Amino acid sequence: MTISNDRLDRIEATLAKLAHDLGQMREEQSQMRREQNEMRSEQDRGRKWEDRTWDVIKWVGGISAALSISAAIALVGLVIRLSLSQ
C-alpha cells in the first residue's frame, strides 16, 4: 500500500493548517486569560472600595449613635436639674 505524493502533500498541508489554527487558538486562549485576570483585579479593587465605604458608614453611624446617646443623657440631666430647681 503506497500513498501518492499528492495525497501526502494534502495531508501535509492539512497538518500545517491545523498547526497554524492551533497556534491561533492558543494565542486567543492566552489573551482571554489575560483579560480574565484584568477583570478579576478590577473586581477586587471595586470590592476594596466597597468595603472601605461600608467601614466609613459604620464608623460615622457609631459616632452618630454615641452623640445621640450623649445628647439624650444631657437633655435628661437638664430636665431633672430644671425640675429640681423649681
Protein backbone atom coordinates (compact mmCIF):
# COMPACT_ATOMS: atom_id res chain seq x y z
CA MET A 1 0.00 0.00 0.00
CA THR A 2 1.59 3.19 -1.16
CA ILE A 3 0.37 6.71 -0.70
CA SER A 4 0.68 9.03 -3.62
CA ASN A 5 2.68 12.23 -3.42
CA ASP A 6 -0.44 14.32 -3.97
CA ARG A 7 -2.17 12.68 -1.06
CA LEU A 8 0.91 13.20 1.13
CA ASP A 9 1.03 16.87 0.07
CA ARG A 10 -2.65 17.31 1.01
CA ILE A 11 -2.07 15.63 4.38
CA GLU A 12 0.97 17.82 4.98
CA ALA A 13 -0.98 20.97 4.03
CA THR A 14 -3.84 19.94 6.32
CA LEU A 15 -1.45 19.31 9.20
CA ALA A 16 0.24 22.66 8.61
CA LYS A 17 -3.15 24.41 8.66
CA LEU A 18 -4.13 22.56 11.82
CA ALA A 19 -0.83 23.57 13.45
CA HIS A 20 -1.46 27.19 12.44
CA ASP A 21 -5.04 27.08 13.74
CA LEU A 22 -3.86 25.53 17.00
CA GLY A 23 -1.31 28.32 17.40
CA GLN A 24 -4.04 30.92 16.88
CA MET A 25 -6.29 29.19 19.38
CA ARG A 26 -3.50 29.18 21.95
CA GLU A 27 -2.92 32.90 21.39
CA GLU A 28 -6.64 33.59 21.79
CA GLN A 29 -6.74 31.50 24.95
CA SER A 30 -3.78 33.42 26.39
CA GLN A 31 -5.47 36.71 25.54
CA MET A 32 -8.69 35.57 27.21
CA ARG A 33 -6.78 34.57 30.34
CA ARG A 34 -5.11 37.98 30.47
CA GLU A 35 -8.48 39.68 30.11
CA GLN A 36 -9.97 37.47 32.84
CA ASN A 37 -7.11 38.33 35.18
CA GLU A 38 -7.55 42.02 34.44
CA MET A 39 -11.30 41.82 35.09
CA ARG A 40 -10.66 39.90 38.30
CA SER A 41 -8.22 42.54 39.55
CA GLU A 42 -10.68 45.34 38.67
CA GLN A 43 -13.39 43.47 40.55
CA ASP A 44 -11.10 43.09 43.56
CA ARG A 45 -10.35 46.82 43.52
CA GLY A 46 -14.08 47.54 43.40
CA ARG A 47 -14.68 45.27 46.38
CA LYS A 48 -11.96 47.02 48.36
CA TRP A 49 -13.59 50.41 47.75
CA GLU A 50 -16.98 48.98 48.64
CA ASP A 51 -15.57 47.56 51.88
CA ARG A 52 -13.93 50.90 52.72
CA THR A 53 -17.17 52.73 52.05
CA TRP A 54 -19.08 50.45 54.43
CA ASP A 55 -16.35 50.87 57.04
CA VAL A 56 -16.77 54.65 56.86
CA ILE A 57 -20.56 54.34 57.05
CA LYS A 58 -20.31 52.10 60.12
CA TRP A 59 -17.78 54.45 61.73
CA VAL A 60 -19.96 57.51 61.12
CA GLY A 61 -23.02 55.58 62.30
CA GLY A 62 -21.22 54.62 65.50
CA ILE A 63 -20.22 58.21 66.17
CA SER A 64 -23.77 59.40 65.44
CA ALA A 65 -25.23 56.84 67.82
CA ALA A 66 -22.78 57.81 70.55
CA LEU A 67 -23.55 61.50 70.06
CA SER A 68 -27.30 60.83 70.13
CA ILE A 69 -27.00 58.90 73.38
CA SER A 70 -24.82 61.64 74.91
CA ALA A 71 -27.29 64.31 73.84
CA ALA A 72 -30.21 62.32 75.29
CA ILE A 73 -28.39 61.90 78.62
CA ALA A 74 -27.56 65.60 78.70
CA LEU A 75 -31.16 66.53 77.92
CA VAL A 76 -32.49 64.25 80.67
CA GLY A 77 -29.95 65.79 83.04
CA LEU A 78 -31.11 69.31 82.14
CA VAL A 79 -34.77 68.40 82.58
CA ILE A 80 -34.07 66.89 86.02
CA ARG A 81 -31.95 69.86 87.05
CA LEU A 82 -34.58 72.35 85.94
CA SER A 83 -37.37 70.42 87.65
CA LEU A 84 -35.41 70.21 90.91
CA SER A 85 -34.54 73.89 90.91
CA GLN A 86 -38.17 74.97 90.77
